[in-house]
């Protein structure tokens, strides 16, 4: 757990600097500390350093961590969600970053009704690079999905999420982040029900500064806070 507080401070300073370069308020950017493969003790250390939002990639890994750490932080599911885990996901996560199909949206709506939840905040994951190894829907399928959500009032789309292709030079990811921002603006202009498009979840440990400059409101940072995954 040593060094987590210092690394949180460094990441926040880098976010603030990137925000200043683009004329933004750092307070508008949420740092989601991704604790995949790290124990509850690491999450508690991050929380003690002021982190309020924790990201996990797998429902089954997150459930015992949520029980151990509690709901003093907001929990974000940043990995792919299978429809058969929707009910468990809505019980344990405050945000779901990986909506990618109408079928999953219908499962979330059903789970919200069963759990007496007024709304499930979600982000739609877009596969910007067309990579078969990554989840997310193609750009062309975004608006049809959003239109299909009109009959699912408990699934509220807060914005978009993307994991661009990994590129050694963080600057090379800038066009992808710009594309996601443009997609969000286009979707917002449609004025669809249950679609707010207030957030862009983009940028990870190696490229979050570029993402902030391009409009990210949530950055998902794991290694830069917790260190290399065991």
Protein backbone atom coordinates (compact mmCIF):
# COMPACT_ATOMS: atom_id res chain seq x y z
CA UNK A 1 0.00 0.00 0.00
CA UNK A 2 3.06 2.19 0.26
CA UNK A 3 3.17 5.05 -2.21
CA UNK A 4 -0.51 5.05 -3.19
CA UNK A 5 -1.24 8.42 -1.59
CA UNK A 6 1.75 10.01 -3.30
CA UNK A 7 0.78 8.57 -6.68
CA UNK A 8 -2.82 9.78 -6.27
CA UNK A 9 -1.45 13.27 -5.67
CA UNK A 10 0.76 13.06 -8.74
CA UNK A 11 -2.13 11.91 -10.95
CA UNK A 12 -4.35 14.70 -9.67
CA UNK A 13 -1.61 17.25 -10.41
CA UNK A 14 -1.29 15.90 -13.95
CA UNK A 15 -5.07 16.08 -14.44
CA UNK A 16 -5.07 19.66 -13.19
CA UNK A 17 -2.25 20.63 -15.55
CA UNK A 18 -3.99 19.02 -18.53
CA UNK A 19 -7.24 20.76 -17.61
CA UNK A 20 -5.44 24.11 -17.40
CA UNK A 21 -3.93 23.59 -20.85
CA UNK A 22 -7.40 23.15 -22.30
CA UNK A 23 -9.13 25.86 -20.28
CA UNK A 24 -11.10 23.45 -18.13
CA UNK A 25 -11.86 23.20 -14.42
CA UNK A 26 -10.14 20.14 -12.88
CA UNK A 27 -13.17 19.76 -10.61
CA UNK A 28 -15.17 18.70 -13.70
CA UNK A 29 -13.00 15.59 -14.15
CA UNK A 30 -13.61 12.49 -12.05
CA UNK A 31 -10.64 10.28 -11.25
CA UNK A 32 -11.77 6.64 -11.28
CA UNK A 33 -9.06 4.54 -9.64
CA UNK A 34 -9.17 1.11 -11.28
CA UNK A 35 -8.35 -1.51 -8.64
CA UNK A 36 -8.53 -4.64 -10.79
CA UNK A 37 -6.37 -7.39 -9.20
CA UNK A 38 -5.65 -5.30 -6.10
CA UNK A 39 -6.99 -6.10 -2.60
CA UNK A 40 -9.40 -4.05 -0.50
CA UNK A 41 -6.46 -2.66 1.48
CA UNK A 42 -5.22 -0.87 -1.65
CA UNK A 43 -8.68 0.60 -2.24
CA UNK A 44 -8.82 1.83 1.36
CA UNK A 45 -5.42 3.49 0.90
CA UNK A 46 -6.68 5.26 -2.22
CA UNK A 47 -9.83 6.31 -0.40
CA UNK A 48 -7.74 7.71 2.45
CA UNK A 49 -5.86 9.75 -0.16
CA UNK A 50 -9.11 11.33 -1.29
CA UNK A 51 -10.22 9.01 -4.10
CA UNK A 52 -14.02 8.87 -4.23
CA UNK A 53 -14.54 6.64 -7.27
CA UNK A 54 -13.29 3.07 -7.73
CA UNK A 55 -13.37 1.07 -10.95
CA UNK A 56 -13.51 -2.70 -11.30
CA UNK A 57 -13.47 -4.79 -14.47
CA UNK A 58 -15.25 -7.94 -13.36
CA UNK A 59 -18.45 -8.30 -11.37
CA UNK A 60 -17.33 -11.44 -9.56
CA UNK A 61 -14.08 -9.83 -8.42
CA UNK A 62 -15.81 -6.66 -7.30
CA UNK A 63 -18.55 -8.18 -5.13
CA UNK A 64 -16.33 -9.15 -2.17
CA UNK A 65 -14.41 -5.88 -2.45
CA UNK A 66 -17.62 -3.85 -2.24
CA UNK A 67 -18.55 -5.85 0.85
CA UNK A 68 -15.13 -5.28 2.42
CA UNK A 69 -14.70 -1.59 1.56
CA UNK A 70 -18.32 -0.45 1.73
CA UNK A 71 -20.26 2.22 -0.13
CA UNK A 72 -18.30 5.23 1.05
CA UNK A 73 -16.92 5.35 -2.48
CA UNK A 74 -18.75 5.19 -5.80
CA UNK A 75 -18.22 1.91 -7.65
CA UNK A 76 -17.81 1.87 -11.43
CA UNK A 77 -17.96 -1.23 -13.60
CA UNK A 78 -15.48 -0.47 -16.38
CA UNK A 79 -15.25 -3.94 -17.91
CA UNK A 80 -17.59 -5.91 -20.15
CA UNK A 81 -20.90 -6.90 -18.56
CA UNK A 82 -22.71 -10.09 -19.47
CA UNK A 83 -26.49 -9.95 -19.40
CA UNK A 84 -26.71 -12.77 -16.85
CA UNK A 85 -24.76 -10.61 -14.36
CA UNK A 86 -26.92 -7.50 -14.79
CA UNK A 87 -28.87 -8.09 -11.59
CA UNK A 88 -25.71 -8.46 -9.51
CA UNK A 89 -24.11 -5.48 -11.22
CA UNK A 90 -26.90 -3.02 -10.45
CA UNK A 91 -26.82 -4.08 -6.79
CA UNK A 92 -23.11 -3.41 -6.42
CA UNK A 93 -22.18 -0.65 -8.87
CA UNK A 94 -23.19 2.99 -8.98
CA UNK A 95 -22.09 3.40 -12.60
CA UNK A 96 -21.83 0.99 -15.52
CA UNK A 97 -19.43 2.11 -18.25
CA UNK A 98 -19.95 -0.76 -20.66
CA UNK A 99 -23.47 -0.80 -22.12
CA UNK A 100 -23.05 -2.13 -25.65
CA UNK A 101 -26.34 -3.70 -26.73
CA UNK A 102 -30.10 -3.32 -26.44
CA UNK A 103 -30.25 -6.80 -24.95
CA UNK A 104 -28.00 -5.72 -22.09
CA UNK A 105 -30.04 -2.54 -21.63
CA UNK A 106 -33.20 -4.63 -21.34
CA UNK A 107 -31.50 -6.82 -18.70
CA UNK A 108 -30.49 -3.70 -16.75
CA UNK A 109 -34.03 -2.32 -16.96
CA UNK A 110 -35.41 -5.61 -15.62
CA UNK A 111 -32.80 -5.69 -12.84
CA UNK A 112 -33.59 -2.10 -11.87
CA UNK A 113 -37.30 -2.89 -11.59
CA UNK A 114 -36.59 -6.02 -9.54
CA UNK A 115 -34.27 -4.07 -7.25
CA UNK A 116 -36.62 -1.08 -6.92
CA UNK A 117 -34.00 1.23 -8.44
CA UNK A 118 -35.33 4.38 -10.06
CA UNK A 119 -32.42 4.65 -12.48
CA UNK A 120 -29.21 2.90 -13.51
CA UNK A 121 -26.61 5.41 -14.75
CA UNK A 122 -24.77 3.95 -17.73
CA UNK A 123 -22.24 4.90 -20.37
CA UNK A 124 -22.36 3.36 -23.82
CA UNK A 125 -19.07 1.75 -24.79
CA UNK A 126 -17.99 2.46 -28.37
CA UNK A 127 -15.33 0.35 -30.07
CA UNK A 128 -13.54 3.14 -31.91
CA UNK A 129 -10.76 0.97 -33.30
CA UNK A 130 -12.95 -1.86 -34.55
CA UNK A 131 -10.83 -4.29 -32.55
CA UNK A 132 -12.27 -7.79 -32.26
CA UNK A 133 -10.48 -8.23 -28.93
CA UNK A 134 -12.42 -5.38 -27.33
CA UNK A 135 -16.05 -4.96 -26.35
CA UNK A 136 -18.18 -2.01 -27.38
CA UNK A 137 -20.47 -1.33 -30.29
CA UNK A 138 -19.47 0.12 -33.67
CA UNK A 139 -19.94 3.86 -34.11
CA UNK A 140 -22.70 3.27 -36.68
CA UNK A 141 -24.77 1.38 -34.10
CA UNK A 142 -24.72 4.12 -31.44
CA UNK A 143 -27.77 6.16 -32.47
CA UNK A 144 -29.96 3.10 -33.19
CA UNK A 145 -29.16 1.80 -29.70
CA UNK A 146 -29.94 5.15 -28.08
CA UNK A 147 -33.25 5.36 -29.91
CA UNK A 148 -34.11 1.85 -28.72
CA UNK A 149 -33.67 2.93 -25.10
CA UNK A 150 -36.77 5.14 -25.27
CA UNK A 151 -38.89 2.33 -23.83
CA UNK A 152 -36.43 1.61 -20.98
CA UNK A 153 -36.92 4.54 -18.58
CA UNK A 154 -34.72 3.19 -15.80
CA UNK A 155 -31.62 2.97 -18.00
CA UNK A 156 -30.23 6.51 -18.20
CA UNK A 157 -27.38 7.11 -20.61
CA UNK A 158 -25.01 9.62 -19.03
CA UNK A 159 -22.45 9.53 -21.81
CA UNK A 160 -19.93 7.43 -23.71
CA UNK A 161 -16.90 5.30 -22.91
CA UNK A 162 -14.08 4.08 -25.11
CA UNK A 163 -10.79 2.19 -24.91
CA UNK A 164 -8.88 3.19 -28.06
CA UNK A 165 -6.17 0.94 -29.52
CA UNK A 166 -3.05 0.99 -27.35
CA UNK A 167 -0.47 3.28 -28.92
CA UNK A 168 2.97 3.90 -27.41
CA UNK A 169 2.74 7.63 -28.09
CA UNK A 170 -0.16 9.08 -26.07
CA UNK A 171 -0.57 11.82 -28.67
CA UNK A 172 -1.51 9.18 -31.24
CA UNK A 173 -4.70 8.54 -29.26
CA UNK A 174 -5.90 12.13 -29.61
CA UNK A 175 -7.97 11.51 -32.80
CA UNK A 176 -9.86 8.69 -31.06
CA UNK A 177 -10.72 10.88 -28.08
CA UNK A 178 -11.83 13.63 -30.44
CA UNK A 179 -14.07 11.19 -32.27
CA UNK A 180 -15.73 10.08 -29.05
CA UNK A 181 -16.37 13.69 -28.11
CA UNK A 182 -17.93 14.33 -31.51
CA UNK A 183 -20.11 11.24 -31.18
CA UNK A 184 -21.33 12.47 -27.81
CA UNK A 185 -22.17 15.89 -29.24
CA UNK A 186 -24.08 14.34 -32.13
CA UNK A 187 -26.01 12.04 -29.80
CA UNK A 188 -26.85 14.94 -27.49
CA UNK A 189 -28.22 16.95 -30.40
CA UNK A 190 -30.76 14.20 -31.09
CA UNK A 191 -32.67 15.10 -27.91
CA UNK A 192 -33.53 11.49 -27.16
CA UNK A 193 -35.35 10.45 -23.97
CA UNK A 194 -33.21 9.07 -21.11
CA UNK A 195 -30.04 10.27 -22.87
CA UNK A 196 -28.07 13.04 -21.15
CA UNK A 197 -24.62 12.67 -22.76
CA UNK A 198 -22.97 14.64 -19.96
CA UNK A 199 -19.88 12.43 -19.63
CA UNK A 200 -16.97 11.01 -21.58
CA UNK A 201 -15.10 8.18 -19.89
CA UNK A 202 -11.79 7.99 -21.73
CA UNK A 203 -8.10 7.93 -20.93
CA UNK A 204 -6.07 5.49 -18.86
CA UNK A 205 -2.70 5.57 -17.10
CA UNK A 206 -0.60 6.19 -20.22
CA UNK A 207 -2.83 8.70 -22.02
CA UNK A 208 -5.26 10.33 -19.57
CA UNK A 209 -3.72 13.79 -19.98
CA UNK A 210 -4.47 13.81 -23.71
CA UNK A 211 -7.98 12.54 -22.95
CA UNK A 212 -8.53 15.41 -20.51
CA UNK A 213 -7.40 17.90 -23.13
CA UNK A 214 -9.94 16.36 -25.52
CA UNK A 215 -12.85 16.60 -23.09
CA UNK A 216 -12.79 13.56 -20.78
CA UNK A 217 -14.97 13.95 -17.70
CA UNK A 218 -13.89 10.60 -16.26
CA UNK A 219 -10.43 9.06 -16.51
CA UNK A 220 -9.84 5.43 -15.55
CA UNK A 221 -6.41 5.16 -13.94
CA UNK A 222 -5.04 1.92 -12.48
CA UNK A 223 -1.29 1.37 -12.84
CA UNK A 224 -0.37 5.02 -12.22
CA UNK A 225 -2.08 4.78 -8.81
CA UNK A 226 -1.77 1.17 -7.65
CA UNK A 227 1.40 0.19 -9.53
CA UNK A 228 1.90 -2.78 -11.88
CA UNK A 229 -0.81 -5.40 -11.54
CA UNK A 230 0.27 -8.55 -9.71
